[in-house]
Amino acid sequence: MNHALELNVLPVAGRSDARVLRLSGEFDASAVERTLEEVTSLLDGGVVHLIADCHDLRYVNSTGLGVILHFSRVTRERGGSFRLCQVSEPVYEIIEIIGATTLLELHDTVEEAIQAIS
């Protein structure tokens, strides 16, 4: 079974400045470089709102969480936002252990996250 992180970028209807990042698998050090490159390319292309759909994200370690926090900071600096939604219990527990629940914007559904940027 492949545990590598898969990242699919989806458009947000009516928002050229927003994308949904569908994350699945495991977000650890092996996925950092590729993820940074892909998301930085989106940000450099004018996207300022990112919604990470974590429904199928089974695991994130401190390195992966560091990248998520980096995206949150960079999007805020550019006048946008980074939101997580559908976070699984194991991933939420790691976010909570590290104390990042107050640093990240969490939503129950993709639709709620999209409405929050509108």
N, C-alpha and C. Protein backbone atom coordinates (compact mmCIF):
# COMPACT_ATOMS: atom_id res chain seq x y z
N MET A 1 0.84 -1.19 0.00
CA MET A 1 0.00 0.00 0.00
C MET A 1 0.88 1.25 0.00
N ASN A 2 0.59 2.15 -0.90
CA ASN A 2 1.36 3.38 -1.02
C ASN A 2 0.88 4.40 0.00
N HIS A 3 1.80 4.90 0.82
CA HIS A 3 1.45 5.87 1.86
C HIS A 3 1.90 7.28 1.50
N ALA A 4 2.55 7.44 0.36
CA ALA A 4 3.08 8.74 -0.03
C ALA A 4 1.96 9.77 -0.15
N LEU A 5 2.31 11.01 0.11
CA LEU A 5 1.34 12.09 0.01
C LEU A 5 0.94 12.30 -1.45
N GLU A 6 -0.36 12.40 -1.67
CA GLU A 6 -0.88 12.79 -2.97
C GLU A 6 -1.50 14.17 -2.80
N LEU A 7 -1.20 15.05 -3.73
CA LEU A 7 -1.71 16.42 -3.70
C LEU A 7 -2.43 16.69 -5.02
N ASN A 8 -3.73 16.93 -4.94
CA ASN A 8 -4.51 17.30 -6.11
C ASN A 8 -5.02 18.72 -5.91
N VAL A 9 -4.81 19.56 -6.91
CA VAL A 9 -5.22 20.96 -6.85
C VAL A 9 -6.51 21.12 -7.64
N LEU A 10 -7.53 21.68 -6.97
CA LEU A 10 -8.83 21.85 -7.60
C LEU A 10 -9.22 23.33 -7.59
N PRO A 11 -9.90 23.78 -8.65
CA PRO A 11 -10.34 25.19 -8.68
C PRO A 11 -11.50 25.42 -7.72
N VAL A 12 -11.72 26.67 -7.35
CA VAL A 12 -12.88 27.08 -6.57
C VAL A 12 -13.75 27.91 -7.51
N ALA A 13 -14.98 27.50 -7.70
CA ALA A 13 -15.89 28.18 -8.64
C ALA A 13 -15.98 29.67 -8.33
N GLY A 14 -15.74 30.48 -9.34
CA GLY A 14 -15.87 31.92 -9.19
C GLY A 14 -14.74 32.61 -8.45
N ARG A 15 -13.70 31.86 -8.10
CA ARG A 15 -12.57 32.44 -7.35
C ARG A 15 -11.25 32.06 -8.02
N SER A 16 -10.75 32.94 -8.86
CA SER A 16 -9.47 32.66 -9.51
C SER A 16 -8.31 32.76 -8.54
N ASP A 17 -8.56 33.37 -7.36
CA ASP A 17 -7.50 33.55 -6.37
C ASP A 17 -7.52 32.46 -5.29
N ALA A 18 -8.30 31.40 -5.51
CA ALA A 18 -8.43 30.34 -4.50
C ALA A 18 -8.31 28.96 -5.13
N ARG A 19 -7.76 28.03 -4.36
CA ARG A 19 -7.66 26.63 -4.78
C ARG A 19 -7.91 25.72 -3.58
N VAL A 20 -8.46 24.55 -3.88
CA VAL A 20 -8.58 23.49 -2.88
C VAL A 20 -7.43 22.53 -3.11
N LEU A 21 -6.71 22.22 -2.04
CA LEU A 21 -5.63 21.23 -2.09
C LEU A 21 -6.17 19.96 -1.45
N ARG A 22 -6.42 18.94 -2.25
CA ARG A 22 -6.90 17.68 -1.70
C ARG A 22 -5.68 16.83 -1.34
N LEU A 23 -5.49 16.64 -0.03
CA LEU A 23 -4.34 15.90 0.48
C LEU A 23 -4.76 14.48 0.86
N SER A 24 -4.00 13.50 0.43
CA SER A 24 -4.28 12.13 0.85
C SER A 24 -2.97 11.40 1.09
N GLY A 25 -3.02 10.43 1.98
CA GLY A 25 -1.82 9.67 2.32
C GLY A 25 -1.18 10.21 3.58
N GLU A 26 0.15 10.30 3.55
CA GLU A 26 0.92 10.72 4.71
C GLU A 26 1.82 11.88 4.36
N PHE A 27 1.74 12.95 5.14
CA PHE A 27 2.52 14.16 4.91
C PHE A 27 3.70 14.15 5.87
N ASP A 28 4.84 13.73 5.34
CA ASP A 28 6.06 13.69 6.16
C ASP A 28 7.20 14.30 5.37
N ALA A 29 8.40 14.16 5.85
CA ALA A 29 9.57 14.80 5.24
C ALA A 29 9.76 14.42 3.77
N SER A 30 9.34 13.23 3.38
CA SER A 30 9.54 12.80 2.00
C SER A 30 8.69 13.60 1.01
N ALA A 31 7.65 14.27 1.48
CA ALA A 31 6.75 15.01 0.60
C ALA A 31 6.97 16.52 0.64
N VAL A 32 7.84 16.98 1.51
CA VAL A 32 7.97 18.42 1.75
C VAL A 32 8.43 19.18 0.51
N GLU A 33 9.50 18.76 -0.10
CA GLU A 33 10.07 19.53 -1.22
C GLU A 33 9.08 19.66 -2.37
N ARG A 34 8.47 18.57 -2.78
CA ARG A 34 7.52 18.59 -3.89
C ARG A 34 6.31 19.45 -3.55
N THR A 35 5.80 19.33 -2.33
CA THR A 35 4.64 20.11 -1.91
C THR A 35 4.96 21.60 -1.87
N LEU A 36 6.12 21.94 -1.33
CA LEU A 36 6.54 23.35 -1.31
C LEU A 36 6.60 23.91 -2.72
N GLU A 37 7.18 23.15 -3.65
CA GLU A 37 7.31 23.62 -5.03
C GLU A 37 5.94 23.84 -5.66
N GLU A 38 5.05 22.87 -5.51
CA GLU A 38 3.73 22.97 -6.14
C GLU A 38 2.92 24.13 -5.57
N VAL A 39 2.90 24.27 -4.26
CA VAL A 39 2.08 25.31 -3.64
C VAL A 39 2.72 26.69 -3.85
N THR A 40 4.03 26.79 -3.80
CA THR A 40 4.69 28.07 -4.07
C THR A 40 4.39 28.53 -5.48
N SER A 41 4.33 27.60 -6.43
CA SER A 41 3.98 27.93 -7.81
C SER A 41 2.56 28.52 -7.88
N LEU A 42 1.63 27.95 -7.12
CA LEU A 42 0.27 28.50 -7.07
C LEU A 42 0.28 29.92 -6.50
N LEU A 43 1.00 30.09 -5.40
CA LEU A 43 1.06 31.40 -4.75
C LEU A 43 1.70 32.44 -5.66
N ASP A 44 2.75 32.04 -6.35
CA ASP A 44 3.41 32.96 -7.28
C ASP A 44 2.53 33.29 -8.48
N GLY A 45 1.54 32.43 -8.75
CA GLY A 45 0.62 32.65 -9.85
C GLY A 45 -0.61 33.47 -9.47
N GLY A 46 -0.65 33.98 -8.25
CA GLY A 46 -1.74 34.85 -7.85
C GLY A 46 -2.78 34.24 -6.91
N VAL A 47 -2.64 32.98 -6.58
CA VAL A 47 -3.55 32.36 -5.63
C VAL A 47 -3.17 32.83 -4.22
N VAL A 48 -4.16 33.30 -3.45
CA VAL A 48 -3.88 33.76 -2.09
C VAL A 48 -4.72 33.02 -1.04
N HIS A 49 -5.73 32.29 -1.50
CA HIS A 49 -6.58 31.53 -0.58
C HIS A 49 -6.40 30.04 -0.88
N LEU A 50 -5.97 29.29 0.12
CA LEU A 50 -5.79 27.85 -0.03
C LEU A 50 -6.66 27.14 1.00
N ILE A 51 -7.35 26.11 0.54
CA ILE A 51 -8.16 25.27 1.41
C ILE A 51 -7.62 23.86 1.30
N ALA A 52 -7.10 23.35 2.40
CA ALA A 52 -6.56 21.99 2.41
C ALA A 52 -7.63 21.02 2.87
N ASP A 53 -8.11 20.20 1.93
CA ASP A 53 -9.09 19.16 2.25
C ASP A 53 -8.32 17.95 2.76
N CYS A 54 -8.43 17.71 4.05
CA CYS A 54 -7.63 16.67 4.71
C CYS A 54 -8.40 15.39 4.98
N HIS A 55 -9.53 15.22 4.29
CA HIS A 55 -10.38 14.05 4.52
C HIS A 55 -9.61 12.74 4.41
N ASP A 56 -8.73 12.63 3.42
CA ASP A 56 -7.99 11.39 3.19
C ASP A 56 -6.53 11.47 3.65
N LEU A 57 -6.21 12.51 4.42
CA LEU A 57 -4.86 12.63 4.99
C LEU A 57 -4.82 11.80 6.27
N ARG A 58 -4.04 10.73 6.24
CA ARG A 58 -4.02 9.80 7.38
C ARG A 58 -3.01 10.17 8.44
N TYR A 59 -1.96 10.93 8.05
CA TYR A 59 -0.88 11.20 8.99
C TYR A 59 -0.15 12.45 8.58
N VAL A 60 0.27 13.23 9.55
CA VAL A 60 1.17 14.35 9.32
C VAL A 60 2.18 14.36 10.47
N ASN A 61 3.45 14.52 10.15
CA ASN A 61 4.44 14.62 11.22
C ASN A 61 4.79 16.10 11.43
N SER A 62 5.73 16.36 12.32
CA SER A 62 6.06 17.75 12.64
C SER A 62 6.62 18.50 11.43
N THR A 63 7.31 17.80 10.55
CA THR A 63 7.85 18.45 9.35
C THR A 63 6.71 18.88 8.43
N GLY A 64 5.76 17.98 8.20
CA GLY A 64 4.60 18.31 7.37
C GLY A 64 3.78 19.43 7.98
N LEU A 65 3.60 19.38 9.29
CA LEU A 65 2.86 20.43 9.97
C LEU A 65 3.58 21.77 9.87
N GLY A 66 4.91 21.74 9.90
CA GLY A 66 5.69 22.96 9.72
C GLY A 66 5.42 23.59 8.36
N VAL A 67 5.27 22.77 7.33
CA VAL A 67 4.97 23.28 6.00
C VAL A 67 3.57 23.88 5.97
N ILE A 68 2.62 23.22 6.62
CA ILE A 68 1.25 23.75 6.70
C ILE A 68 1.26 25.12 7.39
N LEU A 69 1.98 25.24 8.48
CA LEU A 69 2.07 26.52 9.18
C LEU A 69 2.76 27.57 8.31
N HIS A 70 3.75 27.16 7.54
CA HIS A 70 4.42 28.07 6.60
C HIS A 70 3.42 28.61 5.57
N PHE A 71 2.59 27.73 5.00
CA PHE A 71 1.59 28.17 4.03
C PHE A 71 0.59 29.13 4.67
N SER A 72 0.23 28.87 5.91
CA SER A 72 -0.69 29.74 6.63
C SER A 72 -0.10 31.14 6.77
N ARG A 73 1.15 31.21 7.15
CA ARG A 73 1.82 32.50 7.32
C ARG A 73 1.96 33.23 5.99
N VAL A 74 2.40 32.53 4.96
CA VAL A 74 2.64 33.17 3.66
C VAL A 74 1.33 33.69 3.05
N THR A 75 0.27 32.91 3.14
CA THR A 75 -1.00 33.39 2.57
C THR A 75 -1.51 34.62 3.32
N ARG A 76 -1.36 34.63 4.65
CA ARG A 76 -1.78 35.82 5.42
C ARG A 76 -0.96 37.03 5.02
N GLU A 77 0.35 36.84 4.84
CA GLU A 77 1.22 37.95 4.43
C GLU A 77 0.81 38.52 3.08
N ARG A 78 0.20 37.69 2.24
CA ARG A 78 -0.22 38.12 0.91
C ARG A 78 -1.68 38.56 0.88
N GLY A 79 -2.29 38.70 2.06
CA GLY A 79 -3.66 39.16 2.15
C GLY A 79 -4.70 38.06 1.95
N GLY A 80 -4.28 36.83 2.07
CA GLY A 80 -5.19 35.70 1.85
C GLY A 80 -5.38 34.87 3.10
N SER A 81 -5.62 33.59 2.90
CA SER A 81 -5.86 32.69 4.02
C SER A 81 -5.50 31.25 3.65
N PHE A 82 -5.25 30.46 4.67
CA PHE A 82 -5.01 29.02 4.52
C PHE A 82 -5.93 28.33 5.51
N ARG A 83 -6.80 27.48 5.01
CA ARG A 83 -7.80 26.83 5.85
C ARG A 83 -7.69 25.32 5.70
N LEU A 84 -7.90 24.63 6.81
CA LEU A 84 -7.94 23.17 6.81
C LEU A 84 -9.38 22.73 7.01
N CYS A 85 -9.78 21.68 6.33
CA CYS A 85 -11.13 21.16 6.55
C CYS A 85 -11.11 19.64 6.51
N GLN A 86 -12.15 19.08 7.12
CA GLN A 86 -12.32 17.63 7.18
C GLN A 86 -11.09 16.94 7.74
N VAL A 87 -10.55 17.50 8.80
CA VAL A 87 -9.32 16.97 9.41
C VAL A 87 -9.66 15.70 10.19
N SER A 88 -8.95 14.63 9.88
CA SER A 88 -9.18 13.36 10.57
C SER A 88 -8.70 13.45 12.02
N GLU A 89 -9.21 12.57 12.86
CA GLU A 89 -8.85 12.57 14.28
C GLU A 89 -7.34 12.42 14.50
N PRO A 90 -6.67 11.47 13.82
CA PRO A 90 -5.22 11.34 14.05
C PRO A 90 -4.44 12.60 13.67
N VAL A 91 -4.82 13.25 12.59
CA VAL A 91 -4.14 14.47 12.16
C VAL A 91 -4.46 15.60 13.13
N TYR A 92 -5.71 15.71 13.57
CA TYR A 92 -6.08 16.74 14.53
C TYR A 92 -5.30 16.58 15.83
N GLU A 93 -5.14 15.35 16.27
CA GLU A 93 -4.40 15.11 17.51
C GLU A 93 -2.97 15.64 17.42
N ILE A 94 -2.33 15.47 16.27
CA ILE A 94 -0.96 15.96 16.09
C ILE A 94 -0.96 17.49 16.10
N ILE A 95 -1.94 18.09 15.42
CA ILE A 95 -2.05 19.55 15.41
C ILE A 95 -2.23 20.05 16.84
N GLU A 96 -3.05 19.36 17.60
CA GLU A 96 -3.34 19.75 18.98
C GLU A 96 -2.12 19.57 19.88
N ILE A 97 -1.41 18.46 19.74
CA ILE A 97 -0.22 18.19 20.56
C ILE A 97 0.83 19.28 20.36
N ILE A 98 1.00 19.71 19.13
CA ILE A 98 2.00 20.73 18.83
C ILE A 98 1.49 22.12 19.23
N GLY A 99 0.21 22.23 19.52
CA GLY A 99 -0.35 23.51 19.95
C GLY A 99 -0.71 24.43 18.81
N ALA A 100 -0.98 23.87 17.65
CA ALA A 100 -1.24 24.70 16.47
C ALA A 100 -2.72 24.93 16.20
N THR A 101 -3.61 24.45 17.07
CA THR A 101 -5.04 24.64 16.80
C THR A 101 -5.43 26.11 16.78
N THR A 102 -4.74 26.94 17.54
CA THR A 102 -5.06 28.37 17.55
C THR A 102 -4.40 29.12 16.39
N LEU A 103 -3.45 28.47 15.72
CA LEU A 103 -2.74 29.11 14.61
C LEU A 103 -3.38 28.81 13.26
N LEU A 104 -4.21 27.79 13.22
CA LEU A 104 -4.79 27.34 11.95
C LEU A 104 -6.30 27.55 11.95
N GLU A 105 -6.83 27.83 10.77
CA GLU A 105 -8.28 27.99 10.62
C GLU A 105 -8.85 26.64 10.20
N LEU A 106 -9.68 26.05 11.06
CA LEU A 106 -10.22 24.72 10.84
C LEU A 106 -11.71 24.79 10.54
N HIS A 107 -12.15 24.01 9.55
CA HIS A 107 -13.56 23.96 9.15
C HIS A 107 -13.99 22.51 9.01
N ASP A 108 -15.29 22.28 9.17
CA ASP A 108 -15.82 20.92 9.06
C ASP A 108 -15.88 20.44 7.61
N THR A 109 -16.21 21.34 6.69
CA THR A 109 -16.39 20.94 5.29
C THR A 109 -15.66 21.91 4.35
N VAL A 110 -15.45 21.44 3.13
CA VAL A 110 -14.86 22.30 2.10
C VAL A 110 -15.78 23.50 1.85
N GLU A 111 -17.09 23.25 1.80
CA GLU A 111 -18.05 24.32 1.54
C GLU A 111 -17.97 25.42 2.59
N GLU A 112 -17.84 25.04 3.87
CA GLU A 112 -17.71 26.04 4.95
C GLU A 112 -16.44 26.85 4.77
N ALA A 113 -15.36 26.20 4.40
CA ALA A 113 -14.09 26.90 4.20
C ALA A 113 -14.19 27.88 3.03
N ILE A 114 -14.86 27.45 1.96
CA ILE A 114 -15.04 28.35 0.80
C ILE A 114 -15.88 29.55 1.19
N GLN A 115 -16.97 29.31 1.92
CA GLN A 115 -17.83 30.42 2.36
C GLN A 115 -17.07 31.39 3.25
N ALA A 116 -16.13 30.90 4.03
CA ALA A 116 -15.37 31.76 4.95
C ALA A 116 -14.47 32.73 4.21
N ILE A 117 -14.09 32.42 2.96
CA ILE A 117 -13.25 33.34 2.20
C ILE A 117 -14.09 34.29 1.34
N SER A 118 -15.36 34.02 1.23
CA SER A 118 -16.23 34.85 0.36
C SER A 118 -16.63 36.14 1.02
